[in-house]
Amino acid sequence: MLEEYKKFALRGNVIDMAVGIIIGAAFGTVVQSLVNDILTPPLGLLTGGVDFANLFLVLQEGTPEAPYATLQAAQNAGAVTINIGMFVNALISFLIVSVAVFLLVRYINQLREPDEGPPPPKSIKKCPHCVSDVPIQATRCPHCTSDLPAPEPTEAA
């Protein structure tokens, strides 16, 4: 079982996936810092000094009772809260990550070679008697010598 696990873990796809998860976690940390430290303070100023991280509703007061200046103070008092600001921060983070992933996938798709157009016309057909590959223009099967139906006319011919 250990040998089988070792073979599984060292396959290329598993290693690629692990690298992707590690890079994704690091990218998530950077985006979280961007949202919390750079984007939400100016947004808070534009909305009249609202600090999104401390935007919450108290469902049940703790000890001591409300009002609580910060979410941390409410949590320390044991209050039950709905953390609207944390949700707004998570939503902004999601939007940034989704746009970044979209742009990355779009860029990768542009790097791929474009399609060459429609596929080339078929050059072989199957013999209905022996099921061998036969050139499309053949009238007799070279393998079983059966008569073949006449080839269909093509636009190029």
Protein backbone atom coordinates (compact mmCIF):
# COMPACT_ATOMS: atom_id res chain seq x y z
CA MET A 1 0.00 0.00 0.00
CA LEU A 2 2.88 2.38 0.78
CA GLU A 3 4.46 1.69 -2.62
CA GLU A 4 1.14 2.36 -4.37
CA TYR A 5 0.73 5.65 -2.47
CA LYS A 6 4.28 6.66 -3.39
CA LYS A 7 3.56 5.97 -7.08
CA PHE A 8 0.34 8.02 -6.84
CA ALA A 9 1.96 10.96 -5.03
CA LEU A 10 4.86 11.25 -7.45
CA ARG A 11 2.76 11.38 -10.63
CA GLY A 12 2.96 14.68 -12.48
CA ASN A 13 -0.70 15.61 -12.05
CA VAL A 14 -0.60 15.34 -8.27
CA ILE A 15 2.52 17.48 -8.02
CA ASP A 16 1.06 20.06 -10.41
CA MET A 17 -2.10 20.17 -8.33
CA ALA A 18 -0.11 20.62 -5.11
CA VAL A 19 1.89 23.49 -6.61
CA GLY A 20 -1.37 25.09 -7.81
CA ILE A 21 -2.91 24.84 -4.34
CA ILE A 22 0.17 26.39 -2.69
CA ILE A 23 0.30 29.24 -5.21
CA GLY A 24 -3.47 29.72 -4.86
CA ALA A 25 -3.18 30.00 -1.08
CA ALA A 26 -0.38 32.56 -1.40
CA PHE A 27 -2.40 34.48 -3.99
CA GLY A 28 -5.40 34.43 -1.64
CA THR A 29 -3.27 35.95 1.13
CA VAL A 30 -2.10 38.73 -1.19
CA VAL A 31 -5.67 39.45 -2.31
CA GLN A 32 -6.88 39.46 1.30
CA SER A 33 -4.23 42.03 2.18
CA LEU A 34 -5.16 44.09 -0.88
CA VAL A 35 -8.80 44.14 0.18
CA ASN A 36 -8.28 44.72 3.91
CA ASP A 37 -5.30 47.07 3.80
CA ILE A 38 -5.66 49.00 0.54
CA LEU A 39 -9.22 48.91 -0.85
CA THR A 40 -11.53 49.01 2.19
CA PRO A 41 -10.00 52.06 3.96
CA PRO A 42 -10.68 54.41 1.01
CA LEU A 43 -14.10 52.81 0.52
CA GLY A 44 -14.79 53.46 4.19
CA LEU A 45 -13.84 57.12 3.77
CA LEU A 46 -16.11 57.44 0.72
CA THR A 47 -19.02 55.96 2.69
CA GLY A 48 -18.63 58.36 5.59
CA GLY A 49 -15.95 56.69 7.69
CA VAL A 50 -17.50 53.21 7.80
CA ASP A 51 -14.94 50.53 8.66
CA PHE A 52 -16.20 47.46 6.82
CA ALA A 53 -14.30 45.08 9.12
CA ASN A 54 -16.30 46.46 12.07
CA LEU A 55 -19.69 46.55 10.35
CA PHE A 56 -21.89 44.07 12.22
CA LEU A 57 -25.34 43.54 13.69
CA VAL A 58 -25.79 42.29 17.24
CA LEU A 59 -28.32 39.46 17.48
CA GLN A 60 -27.79 38.75 21.16
CA GLU A 61 -25.83 40.91 23.55
CA GLY A 62 -23.00 39.55 25.62
CA THR A 63 -21.48 40.64 28.91
CA PRO A 64 -20.97 43.61 29.15
CA GLU A 65 -23.97 44.75 27.12
CA ALA A 66 -23.90 46.76 23.86
CA PRO A 67 -22.91 49.11 22.34
CA TYR A 68 -19.68 47.60 21.09
CA ALA A 69 -17.14 49.80 19.33
CA THR A 70 -15.58 46.99 17.32
CA LEU A 71 -16.38 43.47 16.19
CA GLN A 72 -13.54 42.22 18.37
CA ALA A 73 -15.10 43.88 21.43
CA ALA A 74 -18.46 42.25 20.64
CA GLN A 75 -16.84 38.84 20.21
CA ASN A 76 -14.85 39.25 23.44
CA ALA A 77 -18.11 40.05 25.27
CA GLY A 78 -19.67 36.85 23.89
CA ALA A 79 -22.24 38.65 21.72
CA VAL A 80 -23.83 36.84 18.79
CA THR A 81 -23.29 38.92 15.66
CA ILE A 82 -23.91 38.96 11.92
CA ASN A 83 -20.61 40.12 10.43
CA ILE A 84 -21.71 42.14 7.40
CA GLY A 85 -18.32 43.82 6.97
CA MET A 86 -16.42 40.54 6.90
CA PHE A 87 -18.84 39.32 4.22
CA VAL A 88 -18.28 42.48 2.16
CA ASN A 89 -14.50 41.97 2.44
CA ALA A 90 -14.86 38.32 1.38
CA LEU A 91 -17.07 39.36 -1.55
CA ILE A 92 -14.52 41.93 -2.73
CA SER A 93 -11.77 39.30 -2.41
CA PHE A 94 -13.81 36.84 -4.45
CA LEU A 95 -14.41 39.40 -7.19
CA ILE A 96 -10.71 40.22 -7.40
CA VAL A 97 -9.70 36.54 -7.53
CA SER A 98 -12.36 35.69 -10.12
CA VAL A 99 -11.30 38.58 -12.38
CA ALA A 100 -7.64 37.58 -12.02
CA VAL A 101 -8.41 33.93 -12.87
CA PHE A 102 -10.55 35.04 -15.84
CA LEU A 103 -7.72 37.22 -17.17
CA LEU A 104 -5.20 34.40 -16.67
CA VAL A 105 -7.35 31.84 -18.51
CA ARG A 106 -8.05 34.35 -21.28
CA TYR A 107 -4.32 35.01 -21.70
CA ILE A 108 -3.50 31.28 -21.76
CA ASN A 109 -6.20 30.70 -24.39
CA GLN A 110 -4.67 33.44 -26.56
CA LEU A 111 -1.27 31.72 -26.35
CA ARG A 112 -2.65 28.46 -27.71
CA GLU A 113 -2.39 27.87 -31.43
CA PRO A 114 -5.61 28.72 -33.26
CA ASP A 115 -7.60 25.97 -34.93
CA GLU A 116 -6.55 25.20 -38.49
CA GLY A 117 -10.12 25.32 -39.78
CA PRO A 118 -12.37 22.43 -40.75
CA PRO A 119 -10.90 18.93 -40.60
CA PRO A 120 -9.57 17.50 -43.87
CA PRO A 121 -11.93 15.29 -45.87
CA LYS A 122 -11.91 11.58 -45.11
CA SER A 123 -9.40 9.59 -47.15
CA ILE A 124 -10.41 6.10 -46.02
CA LYS A 125 -13.63 4.17 -45.52
CA LYS A 126 -14.51 0.83 -43.94
CA CYS A 127 -15.28 -2.20 -46.08
CA PRO A 128 -18.82 -3.30 -45.13
CA HIS A 129 -17.82 -6.97 -45.48
CA CYS A 130 -14.46 -7.33 -43.72
CA VAL A 131 -14.36 -3.97 -41.91
CA SER A 132 -10.86 -3.20 -43.23
CA ASP A 133 -9.64 0.31 -44.00
CA VAL A 134 -9.95 0.99 -47.73
CA PRO A 135 -9.06 4.17 -49.70
CA ILE A 136 -12.17 6.28 -50.24
CA GLN A 137 -11.94 6.03 -54.06
CA ALA A 138 -11.65 2.21 -54.13
CA THR A 139 -14.40 0.19 -55.82
CA ARG A 140 -13.14 -3.21 -54.65
CA CYS A 141 -11.74 -4.17 -51.23
CA PRO A 142 -8.06 -5.22 -51.49
CA HIS A 143 -8.49 -7.51 -48.47
CA CYS A 144 -11.64 -9.51 -49.24
CA THR A 145 -12.13 -8.49 -52.92
CA SER A 146 -15.77 -7.54 -52.33
CA ASP A 147 -17.37 -4.93 -54.55
CA LEU A 148 -17.71 -1.63 -52.73
CA PRO A 149 -20.35 1.02 -53.27
CA ALA A 150 -19.30 3.81 -55.63
CA PRO A 151 -17.52 6.68 -53.89
CA GLU A 152 -19.64 9.68 -53.05
CA PRO A 153 -18.84 12.74 -55.19
CA THR A 154 -16.90 15.43 -53.36
CA GLU A 155 -16.96 19.17 -53.98
CA ALA A 156 -13.25 19.22 -54.84
CA ALA A 157 -13.60 16.48 -57.52
